[in-house]
Protein backbone atom coordinates (compact mmCIF):
# COMPACT_ATOMS: atom_id res chain seq x y z
CA MET A 1 -1.16 -0.38 -5.53
CA ARG A 2 -2.77 0.20 -1.75
CA ARG A 3 -0.97 -1.95 -3.11
CA THR A 4 -2.70 -2.68 -5.19
CA GLY A 5 -1.15 -5.31 -4.77
CA SER A 6 -0.78 -3.22 -5.30
CA ALA A 7 0.75 0.23 -4.98
CA ARG A 8 0.58 -1.47 -3.27
CA SER A 9 4.44 -3.34 -3.70
CA ASP A 10 4.49 -5.03 -7.11
CA LEU A 11 7.14 -2.51 -8.11
CA ARG A 12 9.70 -2.19 -10.79
CA GLY A 13 12.14 0.11 -12.66
CA TRP A 14 11.48 3.80 -13.12
CA ASP A 15 13.57 5.03 -16.03
CA MET A 16 11.00 5.29 -18.87
CA ALA A 17 10.02 8.92 -19.26
CA ALA A 18 6.47 8.25 -20.41
CA ILE A 19 5.52 6.55 -17.17
CA ARG A 20 7.84 8.10 -14.60
CA LYS A 21 4.97 9.50 -12.60
CA ILE A 22 3.95 6.07 -11.40
CA GLU A 23 6.33 3.28 -12.42
CA TRP A 24 8.85 3.99 -9.64
CA VAL A 25 6.21 2.78 -7.20
CA LEU A 26 4.96 -0.19 -9.13
CA TRP A 27 8.04 -1.73 -10.75
CA LEU A 28 10.49 -1.74 -7.82
CA CYS A 29 9.38 -5.13 -6.59
CA ALA A 30 10.34 -6.94 -9.78
CA LEU A 31 13.72 -5.24 -10.03
CA ALA A 32 14.42 -5.93 -6.38
CA THR A 33 13.88 -9.62 -7.04
CA ALA A 34 16.46 -9.49 -9.81
CA SER A 35 18.97 -7.58 -7.72
CA ARG A 36 18.69 -10.06 -4.87
CA ALA A 37 19.77 -12.84 -7.17
CA GLN A 38 23.12 -11.07 -7.58
CA ASN A 39 23.82 -11.07 -3.85
CA ASP A 40 25.86 -13.93 -2.45
CA LYS A 41 24.20 -13.74 0.96
CA PRO A 42 20.64 -12.45 1.45
CA GLN A 43 20.07 -10.09 4.35
CA PRO A 44 18.52 -11.72 7.43
CA ALA A 45 14.75 -11.29 7.56
CA ASP A 46 14.53 -11.08 11.35
CA ARG A 47 16.90 -8.49 12.72
CA LYS A 48 16.49 -6.03 15.55
CA ALA A 49 16.10 -2.41 14.51
CA GLU A 50 19.34 -0.46 14.53
CA PRO A 51 19.65 2.58 16.81
CA ALA A 52 18.47 5.85 15.34
CA ALA A 53 21.21 7.36 13.16
CA GLN A 54 21.58 10.83 11.71
CA SER A 55 21.82 9.25 8.25
CA LEU A 56 18.22 8.07 8.59
CA VAL A 57 16.91 11.62 9.05
CA ALA A 58 17.30 13.83 6.01
CA PRO A 59 17.84 17.57 6.47
CA GLY A 60 14.48 19.26 6.77
CA GLU A 61 12.76 16.31 8.46
CA GLU A 62 13.71 17.26 12.04
CA GLY A 63 10.50 19.22 12.52
CA SER A 64 8.28 16.17 11.96
CA LEU A 65 10.32 13.02 12.59
CA LYS A 66 12.72 11.90 15.29
CA ASN A 67 14.22 8.61 16.49
CA VAL A 68 13.95 7.07 13.01
CA ARG A 69 14.72 3.35 13.14
CA GLN A 70 14.99 0.75 10.42
CA LEU A 71 12.92 -2.40 11.00
CA THR A 72 13.67 -4.54 7.91
CA PHE A 73 16.96 -5.09 6.11
CA GLY A 74 17.00 -6.19 2.49
CA GLY A 75 14.43 -7.20 -0.09
CA THR A 76 11.28 -5.36 -1.03
CA ASN A 77 9.15 -4.57 2.01
CA ALA A 78 5.96 -2.52 1.88
CA GLU A 79 2.61 -1.63 3.40
CA ALA A 80 3.28 -2.01 7.11
CA TYR A 81 0.16 -1.45 9.23
CA PHE A 82 -0.23 -1.20 12.99
CA SER A 83 -2.55 -3.44 14.92
CA PHE A 84 -5.41 -1.50 16.50
CA GLU A 85 -3.65 -1.99 19.83
CA GLY A 86 -0.49 -0.40 18.39
CA ASP A 87 1.84 -3.19 19.50
CA ARG A 88 2.51 -5.10 16.24
CA LEU A 89 2.90 -4.58 12.51
CA VAL A 90 1.74 -6.64 9.55
CA PHE A 91 3.46 -6.10 6.20
CA GLN A 92 4.21 -7.66 2.84
CA SER A 93 7.66 -8.64 1.67
CA THR A 94 9.45 -10.24 -1.26
CA ARG A 95 12.48 -12.00 0.19
CA PRO A 96 14.22 -15.36 -0.26
CA PRO A 97 12.95 -17.99 -0.77
CA TYR A 98 9.78 -16.26 -2.03
CA GLU A 99 9.67 -14.78 -5.53
CA CYS A 100 6.71 -12.50 -4.89
CA ASP A 101 5.04 -10.85 -1.89
CA GLN A 102 4.11 -12.81 1.22
CA ILE A 103 2.62 -11.52 4.48
CA PHE A 104 4.65 -11.21 7.69
CA THR A 105 4.11 -9.82 11.18
CA MET A 106 6.72 -8.30 13.50
CA ASP A 107 7.15 -6.41 16.75
CA LEU A 108 7.66 -2.65 16.71
CA SER A 109 11.36 -3.33 17.31
CA GLY A 110 11.62 -5.26 14.06
CA GLU A 111 12.06 -8.53 15.93
CA ASN A 112 9.99 -11.72 15.69
CA GLN A 113 9.28 -11.46 11.98
CA LYS A 114 6.98 -14.35 11.13
CA LEU A 115 5.44 -15.57 7.89
CA VAL A 116 1.66 -15.71 8.29
CA SER A 117 0.54 -16.24 4.67
CA THR A 118 0.81 -19.61 2.95
CA GLY A 119 4.09 -18.93 1.16
CA LYS A 120 2.30 -19.73 -2.10
CA GLY A 121 0.93 -17.53 -4.85
CA LYS A 122 1.10 -13.75 -4.51
CA THR A 123 -0.31 -11.81 -1.56
CA THR A 124 -1.02 -8.17 -0.81
CA CYS A 125 -2.78 -5.72 1.48
CA ALA A 126 -2.79 -7.23 4.97
CA TYR A 127 -4.62 -5.62 7.89
CA PHE A 128 -5.34 -6.50 11.53
CA PHE A 129 -8.83 -6.96 12.91
CA PRO A 130 -9.63 -5.03 16.11
CA GLY A 131 -8.41 -7.09 19.04
CA GLY A 132 -5.36 -8.33 17.13
CA LYS A 133 -6.35 -12.00 17.10
CA ARG A 134 -7.09 -12.14 13.36
CA LEU A 135 -5.98 -10.41 10.20
CA LEU A 136 -6.94 -10.32 6.54
CA TYR A 137 -5.03 -10.23 3.28
CA ALA A 138 -5.53 -10.88 -0.44
CA SER A 139 -3.94 -13.87 -2.15
CA THR A 140 -3.84 -15.84 -5.39
CA HIS A 141 -2.60 -19.11 -3.79
CA HIS A 142 -5.95 -20.90 -4.11
CA HIS A 143 -5.80 -20.57 -7.89
CA ASP A 144 -2.09 -21.21 -8.45
CA GLU A 145 0.78 -21.84 -6.04
CA LYS A 146 3.17 -20.00 -8.37
CA CYS A 147 3.51 -16.23 -8.67
CA PRO A 148 1.28 -14.75 -11.38
CA PRO A 149 3.18 -13.90 -14.58
CA PRO A 150 4.03 -10.20 -14.83
CA PRO A 151 2.45 -8.11 -17.60
CA ASP A 152 4.28 -7.75 -20.91
CA ARG A 153 6.46 -4.67 -20.29
CA SER A 154 7.28 -4.34 -23.99
CA LYS A 155 3.81 -2.81 -24.39
CA GLY A 156 4.58 -0.08 -21.87
CA TYR A 157 3.78 0.05 -18.20
CA LEU A 158 0.94 -2.34 -17.44
CA TRP A 159 -0.21 -3.23 -13.96
CA GLY A 160 -1.80 -6.64 -13.38
CA VAL A 161 -5.04 -6.55 -11.39
CA TYR A 162 -5.26 -10.31 -11.22
CA SER A 163 -8.75 -11.78 -11.18
CA THR A 164 -7.27 -14.62 -9.10
CA PHE A 165 -6.97 -12.34 -6.05
CA ASP A 166 -9.45 -13.04 -3.25
CA ILE A 167 -9.56 -11.78 0.33
CA PHE A 168 -8.87 -14.19 3.18
CA THR A 169 -8.90 -13.98 6.95
CA CYS A 170 -6.78 -15.97 9.40
CA ASN A 171 -5.53 -16.02 12.95
CA SER A 172 -2.62 -13.67 13.60
CA ASP A 173 -0.25 -16.66 13.40
CA GLY A 174 -1.59 -17.63 9.95
CA SER A 175 -3.74 -20.55 11.09
CA ASP A 176 -7.46 -21.04 10.42
CA LEU A 177 -7.36 -19.53 6.93
CA LYS A 178 -10.83 -18.75 5.56
CA PRO A 179 -12.02 -16.98 2.39
CA LEU A 180 -14.02 -13.76 2.68
CA THR A 181 -14.65 -13.31 -1.04
CA ASN A 182 -15.22 -15.83 -3.83
CA GLN A 183 -16.70 -13.69 -6.63
CA PRO A 184 -15.10 -13.72 -10.09
CA GLY A 185 -12.66 -10.83 -10.48
CA TYR A 186 -10.06 -8.92 -8.50
CA ASP A 187 -10.77 -8.59 -4.77
CA ALA A 188 -8.01 -6.92 -2.74
CA GLU A 189 -6.90 -3.70 -0.99
CA ALA A 190 -9.05 -4.38 2.08
CA THR A 191 -8.90 -2.41 5.34
CA ILE A 192 -11.14 -2.36 8.42
CA ALA A 193 -13.03 0.46 10.12
CA PRO A 194 -11.73 1.33 13.62
CA ASP A 195 -15.19 0.66 15.07
CA GLY A 196 -14.82 -2.94 13.89
CA SER A 197 -18.01 -2.93 11.86
CA THR A 198 -16.98 -2.84 8.22
CA ILE A 199 -14.36 -3.79 5.63
CA VAL A 200 -13.71 -1.54 2.62
CA PHE A 201 -12.07 -3.12 -0.43
CA THR A 202 -11.51 -2.82 -4.18
CA SER A 203 -13.13 -5.21 -6.64
CA THR A 204 -13.84 -5.74 -10.35
CA ARG A 205 -16.92 -7.90 -9.67
CA ASP A 206 -19.12 -5.44 -11.58
CA GLY A 207 -16.70 -4.94 -14.45
CA ASP A 208 -14.72 -1.95 -13.15
CA LEU A 209 -12.25 -1.24 -10.33
CA GLU A 210 -14.62 0.12 -7.69
CA LEU A 211 -14.81 0.43 -3.92
CA TYR A 212 -17.15 -1.72 -1.82
CA THR A 213 -17.87 -2.38 1.83
CA MET A 214 -18.83 -5.64 3.51
CA ASP A 215 -19.32 -6.99 7.00
CA LEU A 216 -16.41 -8.68 8.77
CA ASP A 217 -17.80 -12.06 7.71
CA GLY A 218 -17.97 -11.06 4.03
CA LYS A 219 -21.73 -10.50 3.95
CA ASN A 220 -23.80 -7.43 3.03
CA VAL A 221 -21.58 -6.22 0.18
CA ARG A 222 -22.36 -2.66 -0.91
CA ARG A 223 -20.86 -0.68 -3.82
CA LEU A 224 -19.61 2.84 -2.99
CA THR A 225 -18.16 4.23 -6.24
CA HIS A 226 -19.58 4.28 -9.76
CA GLU A 227 -17.20 6.39 -11.87
CA PRO A 228 -15.34 4.63 -14.71
CA GLY A 229 -11.70 4.14 -13.77
CA TYR A 230 -9.68 2.91 -10.82
CA ASP A 231 -10.89 3.54 -7.25
CA GLY A 232 -8.87 1.89 -4.52
CA GLY A 233 -6.43 2.05 -1.61
CA ALA A 234 -9.16 3.07 0.85
CA PHE A 235 -8.90 3.73 4.60
CA PHE A 236 -11.45 4.77 7.21
CA SER A 237 -11.20 7.85 9.38
CA PRO A 238 -10.59 7.36 13.13
CA ASP A 239 -14.32 7.78 13.85
CA SER A 240 -15.16 5.35 10.99
CA LYS A 241 -17.44 7.96 9.36
CA LYS A 242 -15.31 8.85 6.33
CA ILE A 243 -13.14 7.07 3.77
CA VAL A 244 -10.07 8.42 2.00
CA TYR A 245 -8.90 6.75 -1.20
CA ARG A 246 -7.01 7.20 -4.46
CA ALA A 247 -8.61 7.26 -7.90
CA ASN A 248 -7.97 7.73 -11.59
CA HIS A 249 -11.01 8.52 -13.77
CA PRO A 250 -9.87 8.71 -17.41
CA GLU A 251 -11.96 10.21 -20.20
CA GLY A 252 -12.17 9.96 -23.98
CA GLU A 253 -9.51 7.82 -25.63
CA GLU A 254 -7.84 7.17 -22.28
CA LEU A 255 -11.09 5.68 -20.98
CA GLU A 256 -11.40 3.38 -23.99
CA ARG A 257 -7.86 2.15 -23.52
CA TYR A 258 -8.56 1.62 -19.82
CA LYS A 259 -11.58 -0.56 -20.63
CA LYS A 260 -9.67 -2.67 -23.13
CA LEU A 261 -6.82 -3.30 -20.73
CA LEU A 262 -9.10 -4.06 -17.81
CA ALA A 263 -10.74 -6.79 -19.89
CA GLU A 264 -7.30 -8.44 -19.82
CA ASP A 265 -6.83 -7.91 -16.05
CA LEU A 266 -4.50 -4.99 -16.75
CA VAL A 267 -4.33 -1.31 -15.89
CA ALA A 268 -2.05 1.41 -17.24
CA PRO A 269 -2.41 4.15 -14.60
CA ALA A 270 -1.30 7.67 -15.52
CA LYS A 271 -2.21 10.00 -12.68
CA VAL A 272 -3.82 9.16 -9.35
CA GLU A 273 -5.53 11.80 -7.21
CA LEU A 274 -6.84 11.60 -3.64
CA PHE A 275 -10.53 11.71 -2.71
CA ILE A 276 -12.59 11.63 0.48
CA MET A 277 -16.21 10.54 0.97
CA ASP A 278 -18.67 9.49 3.65
CA ARG A 279 -18.63 5.81 4.54
CA ASP A 280 -21.80 5.22 2.49
CA GLY A 281 -20.17 6.64 -0.66
CA SER A 282 -21.86 10.04 -0.53
CA ASN A 283 -20.29 13.52 -0.45
CA LYS A 284 -17.25 12.70 -2.60
CA GLN A 285 -14.62 15.44 -2.68
CA GLN A 286 -11.29 15.57 -4.50
CA LEU A 287 -8.36 16.52 -2.24
CA THR A 288 -5.43 16.78 -4.66
CA HIS A 289 -5.34 18.37 -8.11
CA ASN A 290 -1.67 18.14 -9.02
CA GLY A 291 -1.87 15.70 -11.93
CA ALA A 292 0.80 13.50 -10.37
CA ALA A 293 0.96 10.11 -8.64
CA ASN A 294 -0.58 10.43 -5.17
CA PHE A 295 -0.67 7.28 -3.07
CA GLY A 296 -1.13 5.81 0.39
CA PRO A 297 -3.52 8.30 2.04
CA TYR A 298 -3.99 7.64 5.76
CA PHE A 299 -5.79 9.59 8.48
CA HIS A 300 -4.02 11.05 11.49
CA PRO A 301 -5.76 9.88 14.70
CA ASN A 302 -6.88 13.48 15.31
CA GLY A 303 -9.17 13.06 12.29
CA ASN A 304 -8.18 16.43 10.85
CA GLN A 305 -5.19 15.50 8.68
CA ILE A 306 -4.32 12.98 6.01
CA ILE A 307 -0.78 11.89 5.25
CA PHE A 308 0.14 10.61 1.78
CA SER A 309 2.98 10.16 -0.70
CA SER A 310 3.42 12.01 -3.98
CA ASN A 311 5.95 12.79 -6.70
CA PHE A 312 4.35 16.08 -7.78
CA GLU A 313 7.39 18.21 -6.88
CA ASP A 314 9.77 16.20 -9.07
CA PRO A 315 9.53 17.05 -12.79
CA LYS A 316 11.01 13.64 -13.59
CA GLY A 317 8.48 11.86 -11.34
CA ARG A 318 11.13 9.78 -9.59
CA ASN A 319 11.19 11.27 -6.11
CA PHE A 320 8.29 10.40 -3.79
CA GLU A 321 7.92 12.36 -0.55
CA LEU A 322 5.42 12.33 2.31
CA TYR A 323 2.94 15.18 2.81
CA THR A 324 0.06 16.04 5.11
CA ILE A 325 -3.12 17.77 3.96
CA GLY A 326 -6.37 18.91 5.55
CA LEU A 327 -9.74 17.29 4.89
CA ASP A 328 -10.64 20.31 2.77
CA GLY A 329 -7.57 19.85 0.56
CA LYS A 330 -5.81 22.85 2.13
CA GLY A 331 -2.81 23.29 4.41
CA GLN A 332 -0.52 20.89 2.56
CA LYS A 333 2.85 20.39 4.28
CA ARG A 334 5.91 18.44 3.16
CA ILE A 335 7.19 15.93 5.76
CA THR A 336 10.14 14.05 4.22
CA HIS A 337 13.10 15.40 2.26
CA HIS A 338 14.88 12.23 1.20
CA GLU A 339 15.92 11.96 -2.43
CA GLY A 340 14.38 8.69 -3.55
CA PHE A 341 11.33 6.82 -2.34
CA ASP A 342 9.21 7.50 0.79
CA MET A 343 5.83 5.79 0.73
CA PHE A 344 3.02 3.98 2.62
CA PRO A 345 2.87 6.28 5.70
CA VAL A 346 0.75 5.00 8.59
CA PHE A 347 0.20 6.52 12.05
CA SER A 348 0.04 4.49 15.23
CA PRO A 349 -3.40 4.50 16.88
CA ASP A 350 -2.25 7.07 19.46
CA GLY A 351 -0.62 9.28 16.83
CA LYS A 352 2.77 9.21 18.55
CA ARG A 353 4.56 7.13 15.90
CA ILE A 354 4.63 6.77 12.17
CA VAL A 355 5.65 3.80 10.03
CA PHE A 356 6.67 4.26 6.41
CA VAL A 357 8.57 2.54 3.61
CA SER A 358 11.73 4.11 2.21
CA SER A 359 14.70 3.48 -0.03
CA ARG A 360 16.96 5.35 2.41
CA ASN A 361 19.92 3.38 3.77
CA GLY A 362 19.36 0.67 1.15
CA ARG A 363 22.17 -1.74 0.32
CA SER A 364 21.03 -2.15 -3.29
CA PRO A 365 19.59 0.41 -5.73
CA HIS A 366 16.00 -0.82 -5.49
CA GLU A 367 15.81 -2.03 -1.90
CA LEU A 368 12.79 -0.95 0.14
CA ASN A 369 12.58 -1.22 3.92
CA VAL A 370 10.16 -0.44 6.72
CA PHE A 371 11.02 2.40 9.11
CA ILE A 372 9.42 3.65 12.31
CA ALA A 373 9.79 7.11 13.84
CA ASP A 374 8.41 9.29 16.58
CA TRP A 375 5.93 11.80 15.17
CA ILE A 376 6.36 15.47 16.11
CA ASP A 377 2.86 16.95 16.08
CA ASN A 378 2.97 20.64 15.20
């Protein structure tokens, strides 16, 4: 989810009441693959963004968003991140002929979409290095060229945290691919500090889903979290001094079930709250306490706000909206008002634009696309 592979966009259906709080995010990808097979003609991958239309702005969003434009058309697209220069985006997409996520780059207009991963295995969580010449992402291609088999859904919602995921770096055109991690276990969900000094990522190398940092060359690995449960989807603050992330720390019987599933490279997440800490792992503070599914936290460039997605206002857990919140967990404000799915919000480096993933304007029930909008700072 950040993604893992997450939340990151291995998504599927969302109609089972017991898991509605989180399955809408994590099962959409698989259902989108099935729905694409029913279409006679797949939507073109590289298409210029359409002009802003009133239909792309839901009532109530005018105070925060304007000039909303759609950048991708068809398939399951997720986790679009700006380059540090603010001139390009890197994102993951499941689209023909690929049966699971691959990594692409594109201009801010939606043009020049280019495959930069190998086209093999499953990928997730891409991010630019400062300077824009290289990027990183996680992939399973070096273990198996085929997509990993999905978990057995007959046992309930289970999320695969594949031990075959490792983190790689490459040139921005996909060339010069090199591994950054080679430890046994899941290594993914990596992002880079704005000061260009450090990578933060999620790993099971010590037997649990924890957060770590490492140098840009993969050296000097340091563990940041130590609580049983899932810690992941981390991002640095603009000054690179703090880290925001999502976590689920079960107790009692839930913890025992978590341990058993993790031994099989599986997770059955229930609720996910947001936390903030110093970059060395100290001073951890919980930001949300709503008992819902809270995902995709990302700092505003002013360093005083965090934007994220949550379903806490929907009793059925199906509707995900974007919200901002202060670093003290106060001042929460709702940003989007679209009935459906709004997720993976990311600010441009100058804070003037926001990119997010949404089901709005979709041509099929489970289609997810990347959108860009001007941000109204108020």
